[in-house]
Amino acid sequence: MDAAVTGAITAVQLDDESLAQQWFELICATYDSIVENDDVEWTTFTDMLLDGSGTAGLGRDIAEQFVAYLQANDSSPLETVGKMREYGNDLPALHRDLTAESTAVAESGGYDNSSWNAFLAENGPRWNGTDDAWAQFAEWFAYQADQQGLAEPADAFIAYAESQGDKAGVFAQYGIQVTAAGANDGADTSNYPALNEGDTGEWVDYLDTMLTSKGF
């Protein structure tokens, strides 16, 4: 299960199992409806979900929270919902297990899986897809993750991406699409702080520490 689907399943915290059952049944029914009507559009899905949540007595706020999360953290939200749909009746149990896992990790002083999923979905797309930009992106990504207590999963993700021949393919496994925009003209298409001569601050101090630790 990729990070995008995990994040979507746990986007709304539902302690009541009966409520969780109703919620995931609504998501599945709504997705099936737009597919059957050959109207597979995100706006169609969200409109139906918001209306359906009120009609089903679930509370419109649950649907609003779910929609807001996906719009903020997923570049292909409807595709993710389609992947969720494949789990069908298993969704309530997956929600319970994933939520329990995140809670246990948080209580043990580790990282929260939901926080990591959200971080990856937000910051992963900042890489422009080119090898020339990878080193700077990886350093920046690791720094940002460390600041949010997510150094462990970030380091593991970077190491895994670097061990594969197709880094963009690794990102795609986690529901993140990157494109090598500007690769042919040398343009700087990165969306994270560039390091310039004379710069100071925490970001520069962090890079300096990292370089020193590697013998530079």
C-alpha atoms as a PDB file:
ATOM      1  CA  MET A   1       0.000   0.000   0.000  1.00  0.00           C
ATOM      2  CA  ASP A   2       1.506   3.327  -1.018  1.00  0.00           C
ATOM      3  CA  ALA A   3       1.743   6.362   1.236  1.00  0.00           C
ATOM      4  CA  ALA A   4      -1.009   8.231  -0.605  1.00  0.00           C
ATOM      5  CA  VAL A   5      -3.569   5.491   0.075  1.00  0.00           C
ATOM      6  CA  THR A   6      -2.452   5.089   3.685  1.00  0.00           C
ATOM      7  CA  GLY A   7      -2.828   8.829   4.196  1.00  0.00           C
ATOM      8  CA  ALA A   8      -6.295   8.851   2.635  1.00  0.00           C
ATOM      9  CA  ILE A   9      -7.509   5.948   4.773  1.00  0.00           C
ATOM     10  CA  THR A  10      -6.360   7.690   7.961  1.00  0.00           C
ATOM     11  CA  ALA A  11      -7.236  11.245   6.856  1.00  0.00           C
ATOM     12  CA  VAL A  12     -10.304  11.169   9.109  1.00  0.00           C
ATOM     13  CA  GLN A  13      -9.961   9.682  12.574  1.00  0.00           C
ATOM     14  CA  LEU A  14     -13.036   7.615  13.495  1.00  0.00           C
ATOM     15  CA  ASP A  15     -13.015   5.892  16.877  1.00  0.00           C
ATOM     16  CA  ASP A  16     -16.488   4.409  16.425  1.00  0.00           C
ATOM     17  CA  GLU A  17     -16.274   1.246  14.265  1.00  0.00           C
ATOM     18  CA  SER A  18     -19.880   1.551  13.150  1.00  0.00           C
ATOM     19  CA  LEU A  19     -19.231   5.101  11.973  1.00  0.00           C
ATOM     20  CA  ALA A  20     -16.061   3.976  10.191  1.00  0.00           C
ATOM     21  CA  GLN A  21     -18.042   1.250   8.431  1.00  0.00           C
ATOM     22  CA  GLN A  22     -20.607   3.779   7.192  1.00  0.00           C
ATOM     23  CA  TRP A  23     -17.915   6.223   6.127  1.00  0.00           C
ATOM     24  CA  PHE A  24     -15.968   3.809   3.976  1.00  0.00           C
ATOM     25  CA  GLU A  25     -19.151   2.349   2.502  1.00  0.00           C
ATOM     26  CA  LEU A  26     -20.087   5.885   1.444  1.00  0.00           C
ATOM     27  CA  ILE A  27     -16.700   6.474  -0.184  1.00  0.00           C
ATOM     28  CA  CYS A  28     -16.933   3.207  -2.101  1.00  0.00           C
ATOM     29  CA  ALA A  29     -20.548   3.790  -3.168  1.00  0.00           C
ATOM     30  CA  THR A  30     -19.764   7.341  -4.288  1.00  0.00           C
ATOM     31  CA  TYR A  31     -16.767   6.228  -6.329  1.00  0.00           C
ATOM     32  CA  ASP A  32     -18.760   3.381  -7.907  1.00  0.00           C
ATOM     33  CA  SER A  33     -21.511   5.833  -8.834  1.00  0.00           C
ATOM     34  CA  ILE A  34     -19.257   8.222 -10.774  1.00  0.00           C
ATOM     35  CA  VAL A  35     -17.628   5.287 -12.562  1.00  0.00           C
ATOM     36  CA  GLU A  36     -21.006   3.831 -13.538  1.00  0.00           C
ATOM     37  CA  ASN A  37     -22.151   7.224 -14.811  1.00  0.00           C
ATOM     38  CA  ASP A  38     -18.900   7.694 -16.719  1.00  0.00           C
ATOM     39  CA  ASP A  39     -18.288  10.962 -14.885  1.00  0.00           C
ATOM     40  CA  VAL A  40     -14.957  10.221 -13.231  1.00  0.00           C
ATOM     41  CA  GLU A  41     -14.079  13.747 -12.120  1.00  0.00           C
ATOM     42  CA  TRP A  42     -12.758  14.919  -8.758  1.00  0.00           C
ATOM     43  CA  THR A  43     -15.343  17.714  -8.469  1.00  0.00           C
ATOM     44  CA  THR A  44     -18.176  15.283  -9.209  1.00  0.00           C
ATOM     45  CA  PHE A  45     -16.897  12.887  -6.576  1.00  0.00           C
ATOM     46  CA  THR A  46     -16.455  15.565  -3.906  1.00  0.00           C
ATOM     47  CA  ASP A  47     -19.885  17.098  -4.525  1.00  0.00           C
ATOM     48  CA  MET A  48     -21.551  13.702  -4.215  1.00  0.00           C
ATOM     49  CA  LEU A  49     -19.505  12.768  -1.151  1.00  0.00           C
ATOM     50  CA  LEU A  50     -20.323  15.993   0.659  1.00  0.00           C
ATOM     51  CA  ASP A  51     -24.031  15.653  -0.097  1.00  0.00           C
ATOM     52  CA  GLY A  52     -24.032  11.957   0.745  1.00  0.00           C
ATOM     53  CA  SER A  53     -22.334  12.412   4.096  1.00  0.00           C
ATOM     54  CA  GLY A  54     -25.138  14.686   5.237  1.00  0.00           C
ATOM     55  CA  THR A  55     -27.861  12.409   3.916  1.00  0.00           C
ATOM     56  CA  ALA A  56     -26.305   9.365   5.575  1.00  0.00           C
ATOM     57  CA  GLY A  57     -26.155  11.163   8.911  1.00  0.00           C
ATOM     58  CA  LEU A  58     -22.373  11.009   9.072  1.00  0.00           C
ATOM     59  CA  GLY A  59     -21.896  14.742   9.351  1.00  0.00           C
ATOM     60  CA  ARG A  60     -20.667  16.911   6.501  1.00  0.00           C
ATOM     61  CA  ASP A  61     -17.558  17.843   8.504  1.00  0.00           C
ATOM     62  CA  ILE A  62     -16.127  14.334   8.053  1.00  0.00           C
ATOM     63  CA  ALA A  63     -16.344  14.589   4.270  1.00  0.00           C
ATOM     64  CA  GLU A  64     -14.991  18.150   4.325  1.00  0.00           C
ATOM     65  CA  GLN A  65     -11.959  17.026   6.343  1.00  0.00           C
ATOM     66  CA  PHE A  66     -11.315  14.138   3.950  1.00  0.00           C
ATOM     67  CA  VAL A  67     -11.610  16.323   0.840  1.00  0.00           C
ATOM     68  CA  ALA A  68      -9.420  19.052   2.333  1.00  0.00           C
ATOM     69  CA  TYR A  69      -6.702  16.553   3.234  1.00  0.00           C
ATOM     70  CA  LEU A  70      -6.562  15.028  -0.232  1.00  0.00           C
ATOM     71  CA  GLN A  71      -6.623  18.387  -2.003  1.00  0.00           C
ATOM     72  CA  ALA A  72      -3.745  19.630   0.127  1.00  0.00           C
ATOM     73  CA  ASN A  73      -1.594  16.503   0.074  1.00  0.00           C
ATOM     74  CA  ASP A  74      -2.310  14.516  -3.080  1.00  0.00           C
ATOM     75  CA  SER A  75      -1.602  15.499  -6.683  1.00  0.00           C
ATOM     76  CA  SER A  76      -3.962  12.771  -7.966  1.00  0.00           C
ATOM     77  CA  PRO A  77      -6.693  12.524  -5.300  1.00  0.00           C
ATOM     78  CA  LEU A  78      -9.292  10.689  -7.363  1.00  0.00           C
ATOM     79  CA  GLU A  79      -6.739   8.097  -8.426  1.00  0.00           C
ATOM     80  CA  THR A  80      -5.973   7.528  -4.749  1.00  0.00           C
ATOM     81  CA  VAL A  81      -9.676   7.107  -3.973  1.00  0.00           C
ATOM     82  CA  GLY A  82      -9.836   4.515  -6.745  1.00  0.00           C
ATOM     83  CA  LYS A  83      -6.991   2.612  -5.109  1.00  0.00           C
ATOM     84  CA  MET A  84      -8.799   2.837  -1.774  1.00  0.00           C
ATOM     85  CA  ARG A  85     -11.891   1.379  -3.402  1.00  0.00           C
ATOM     86  CA  GLU A  86      -9.952  -1.767  -4.290  1.00  0.00           C
ATOM     87  CA  TYR A  87      -9.732  -2.631  -0.579  1.00  0.00           C
ATOM     88  CA  GLY A  88     -13.531  -2.527  -0.250  1.00  0.00           C
ATOM     89  CA  ASN A  89     -14.801  -4.163   2.937  1.00  0.00           C
ATOM     90  CA  ASP A  90     -11.294  -4.255   4.399  1.00  0.00           C
ATOM     91  CA  LEU A  91     -11.124  -0.464   4.712  1.00  0.00           C
ATOM     92  CA  PRO A  92     -12.599  -0.182   8.257  1.00  0.00           C
ATOM     93  CA  ALA A  93     -10.103  -2.757   9.572  1.00  0.00           C
ATOM     94  CA  LEU A  94      -7.235  -1.077   7.744  1.00  0.00           C
ATOM     95  CA  HIS A  95      -8.248   2.263   9.245  1.00  0.00           C
ATOM     96  CA  ARG A  96      -8.304   0.756  12.728  1.00  0.00           C
ATOM     97  CA  ASP A  97      -4.937  -0.979  12.329  1.00  0.00           C
ATOM     98  CA  LEU A  98      -3.165   1.987  10.714  1.00  0.00           C
ATOM     99  CA  THR A  99      -4.493   4.360  13.360  1.00  0.00           C
ATOM    100  CA  ALA A 100      -3.396   2.026  16.156  1.00  0.00           C
ATOM    101  CA  GLU A 101       0.038   1.701  14.579  1.00  0.00           C
ATOM    102  CA  SER A 102       0.483   5.463  14.350  1.00  0.00           C
ATOM    103  CA  THR A 103      -0.637   5.901  17.944  1.00  0.00           C
ATOM    104  CA  ALA A 104       1.737   3.209  19.196  1.00  0.00           C
ATOM    105  CA  VAL A 105       4.664   4.733  17.334  1.00  0.00           C
ATOM    106  CA  ALA A 106       3.887   8.206  18.639  1.00  0.00           C
ATOM    107  CA  GLU A 107       3.658   6.923  22.220  1.00  0.00           C
ATOM    108  CA  SER A 108       6.984   5.124  21.879  1.00  0.00           C
ATOM    109  CA  GLY A 109       8.697   8.340  20.876  1.00  0.00           C
ATOM    110  CA  GLY A 110       9.030   7.392  17.210  1.00  0.00           C
ATOM    111  CA  TYR A 111       7.526   9.117  14.228  1.00  0.00           C
ATOM    112  CA  ASP A 112       3.845   9.251  13.369  1.00  0.00           C
ATOM    113  CA  ASN A 113       3.123   7.388  10.136  1.00  0.00           C
ATOM    114  CA  SER A 114       0.338   9.799   9.165  1.00  0.00           C
ATOM    115  CA  SER A 115       2.681  12.752   9.663  1.00  0.00           C
ATOM    116  CA  TRP A 116       5.291  11.093   7.471  1.00  0.00           C
ATOM    117  CA  ASN A 117       2.737  10.389   4.741  1.00  0.00           C
ATOM    118  CA  ALA A 118       1.621  14.004   4.782  1.00  0.00           C
ATOM    119  CA  PHE A 119       5.216  15.261   4.765  1.00  0.00           C
ATOM    120  CA  LEU A 120       6.165  13.057   1.821  1.00  0.00           C
ATOM    121  CA  ALA A 121       3.064  14.025  -0.159  1.00  0.00           C
ATOM    122  CA  GLU A 122       3.741  17.729   0.414  1.00  0.00           C
ATOM    123  CA  ASN A 123       7.508  17.832  -0.064  1.00  0.00           C
ATOM    124  CA  GLY A 124       8.254  14.957  -2.422  1.00  0.00           C
ATOM    125  CA  PRO A 125       6.920  16.831  -5.484  1.00  0.00           C
ATOM    126  CA  ARG A 126       9.414  19.647  -4.840  1.00  0.00           C
ATOM    127  CA  TRP A 127      12.109  17.625  -6.602  1.00  0.00           C
ATOM    128  CA  ASN A 128      12.121  18.616 -10.273  1.00  0.00           C
ATOM    129  CA  GLY A 129      12.940  15.108 -11.429  1.00  0.00           C
ATOM    130  CA  THR A 130      16.495  15.769 -12.651  1.00  0.00           C
ATOM    131  CA  ASP A 131      19.673  14.073 -11.419  1.00  0.00           C
ATOM    132  CA  ASP A 132      21.423  17.468 -11.292  1.00  0.00           C
ATOM    133  CA  ALA A 133      18.945  18.675  -8.665  1.00  0.00           C
ATOM    134  CA  TRP A 134      18.807  15.441  -6.652  1.00  0.00           C
ATOM    135  CA  ALA A 135      21.709  16.057  -4.244  1.00  0.00           C
ATOM    136  CA  GLN A 136      20.438  19.482  -3.189  1.00  0.00           C
ATOM    137  CA  PHE A 137      16.876  18.209  -2.920  1.00  0.00           C
ATOM    138  CA  ALA A 138      17.937  15.218  -0.815  1.00  0.00           C
ATOM    139  CA  GLU A 139      19.847  17.440   1.619  1.00  0.00           C
ATOM    140  CA  TRP A 140      16.944  19.869   1.889  1.00  0.00           C
ATOM    141  CA  PHE A 141      14.389  17.058   2.245  1.00  0.00           C
ATOM    142  CA  ALA A 142      16.400  15.408   5.034  1.00  0.00           C
ATOM    143  CA  TYR A 143      16.772  18.723   6.844  1.00  0.00           C
ATOM    144  CA  GLN A 144      13.054  19.543   6.699  1.00  0.00           C
ATOM    145  CA  ALA A 145      12.164  16.039   7.863  1.00  0.00           C
ATOM    146  CA  ASP A 146      14.607  16.256  10.767  1.00  0.00           C
ATOM    147  CA  GLN A 147      13.026  19.530  11.878  1.00  0.00           C
ATOM    148  CA  GLN A 148       9.659  17.737  12.097  1.00  0.00           C
ATOM    149  CA  GLY A 149      10.955  14.636  13.859  1.00  0.00           C
ATOM    150  CA  LEU A 150      10.782  12.546  10.686  1.00  0.00           C
ATOM    151  CA  ALA A 151      14.489  12.001  10.019  1.00  0.00           C
ATOM    152  CA  GLU A 152      14.232   8.192  10.231  1.00  0.00           C
ATOM    153  CA  PRO A 153      11.652   7.628   7.456  1.00  0.00           C
ATOM    154  CA  ALA A 154      13.117  10.433   5.335  1.00  0.00           C
ATOM    155  CA  ASP A 155      16.619   8.963   5.448  1.00  0.00           C
ATOM    156  CA  ALA A 156      15.228   5.525   4.625  1.00  0.00           C
ATOM    157  CA  PHE A 157      13.227   6.938   1.704  1.00  0.00           C
ATOM    158  CA  ILE A 158      16.230   8.795   0.270  1.00  0.00           C
ATOM    159  CA  ALA A 159      18.439   5.718   0.619  1.00  0.00           C
ATOM    160  CA  TYR A 160      15.844   3.561  -1.109  1.00  0.00           C
ATOM    161  CA  ALA A 161      15.411   6.046  -3.970  1.00  0.00           C
ATOM    162  CA  GLU A 162      19.173   6.255  -4.470  1.00  0.00           C
ATOM    163  CA  SER A 163      19.470   2.458  -4.525  1.00  0.00           C
ATOM    164  CA  GLN A 164      17.106   2.235  -7.483  1.00  0.00           C
ATOM    165  CA  GLY A 165      17.902   3.056 -11.084  1.00  0.00           C
ATOM    166  CA  ASP A 166      14.725   5.114 -11.514  1.00  0.00           C
ATOM    167  CA  LYS A 167      14.238   7.574  -8.662  1.00  0.00           C
ATOM    168  CA  ALA A 168      11.115   9.057 -10.269  1.00  0.00           C
ATOM    169  CA  GLY A 169       9.706   5.536 -10.390  1.00  0.00           C
ATOM    170  CA  VAL A 170      10.229   5.218  -6.638  1.00  0.00           C
ATOM    171  CA  PHE A 171       8.324   8.461  -6.091  1.00  0.00           C
ATOM    172  CA  ALA A 172       5.527   7.141  -8.296  1.00  0.00           C
ATOM    173  CA  GLN A 173       5.250   4.071  -6.047  1.00  0.00           C
ATOM    174  CA  TYR A 174       4.246   6.471  -3.290  1.00  0.00           C
ATOM    175  CA  GLY A 175       1.738   8.322  -5.455  1.00  0.00           C
ATOM    176  CA  ILE A 176       4.086  11.233  -6.191  1.00  0.00           C
ATOM    177  CA  GLN A 177       4.526  12.341  -9.791  1.00  0.00           C
ATOM    178  CA  VAL A 178       7.681  14.277 -10.644  1.00  0.00           C
ATOM    179  CA  THR A 179       8.655  15.616 -14.042  1.00  0.00           C
ATOM    180  CA  ALA A 180      12.036  16.671 -15.360  1.00  0.00           C
ATOM    181  CA  ALA A 181      10.783  20.129 -16.312  1.00  0.00           C
ATOM    182  CA  GLY A 182      13.599  22.379 -17.436  1.00  0.00           C
ATOM    183  CA  ALA A 183      15.993  19.447 -17.869  1.00  0.00           C
ATOM    184  CA  ASN A 184      16.740  20.399 -21.470  1.00  0.00           C
ATOM    185  CA  ASP A 185      17.379  24.089 -20.958  1.00  0.00           C
ATOM    186  CA  GLY A 186      19.171  23.951 -17.622  1.00  0.00           C
ATOM    187  CA  ALA A 187      16.513  26.056 -15.901  1.00  0.00           C
ATOM    188  CA  ASP A 188      16.269  25.878 -12.127  1.00  0.00           C
ATOM    189  CA  THR A 189      12.849  24.328 -11.559  1.00  0.00           C
ATOM    190  CA  SER A 190      13.414  23.363  -7.945  1.00  0.00           C
ATOM    191  CA  ASN A 191      10.936  24.549  -5.359  1.00  0.00           C
ATOM    192  CA  TYR A 192      13.155  24.612  -2.294  1.00  0.00           C
ATOM    193  CA  PRO A 193      15.796  27.034  -0.998  1.00  0.00           C
ATOM    194  CA  ALA A 194      18.911  27.335  -3.145  1.00  0.00           C
ATOM    195  CA  LEU A 195      22.256  27.707  -1.381  1.00  0.00           C
ATOM    196  CA  ASN A 196      24.150  30.811  -2.462  1.00  0.00           C
ATOM    197  CA  GLU A 197      27.554  32.119  -1.476  1.00  0.00           C
ATOM    198  CA  GLY A 198      27.332  34.228   1.657  1.00  0.00           C
ATOM    199  CA  ASP A 199      24.050  32.717   2.860  1.00  0.00           C
ATOM    200  CA  THR A 200      23.639  32.103   6.591  1.00  0.00           C
ATOM    201  CA  GLY A 201      21.052  30.571   8.865  1.00  0.00           C
ATOM    202  CA  GLU A 202      19.907  27.144  10.079  1.00  0.00           C
ATOM    203  CA  TRP A 203      19.718  25.665   6.566  1.00  0.00           C
ATOM    204  CA  VAL A 204      23.319  26.624   5.808  1.00  0.00           C
ATOM    205  CA  ASP A 205      24.533  25.459   9.236  1.00  0.00           C
ATOM    206  CA  TYR A 206      22.826  22.133   8.653  1.00  0.00           C
ATOM    207  CA  LEU A 207      24.463  21.662   5.247  1.00  0.00           C
ATOM    208  CA  ASP A 208      27.840  22.604   6.699  1.00  0.00           C
ATOM    209  CA  THR A 209      27.443  19.963   9.429  1.00  0.00           C
ATOM    210  CA  MET A 210      26.408  17.351   6.891  1.00  0.00           C
ATOM    211  CA  LEU A 211      29.393  18.082   4.633  1.00  0.00           C
ATOM    212  CA  THR A 212      31.803  18.018   7.588  1.00  0.00           C
ATOM    213  CA  SER A 213      30.443  14.657   8.738  1.00  0.00           C
ATOM    214  CA  LYS A 214      31.136  13.270   5.267  1.00  0.00           C
ATOM    215  CA  GLY A 215      34.758  14.477   5.282  1.00  0.00           C
ATOM    216  CA  PHE A 216      34.410  17.573   3.091  1.00  0.00           C
END
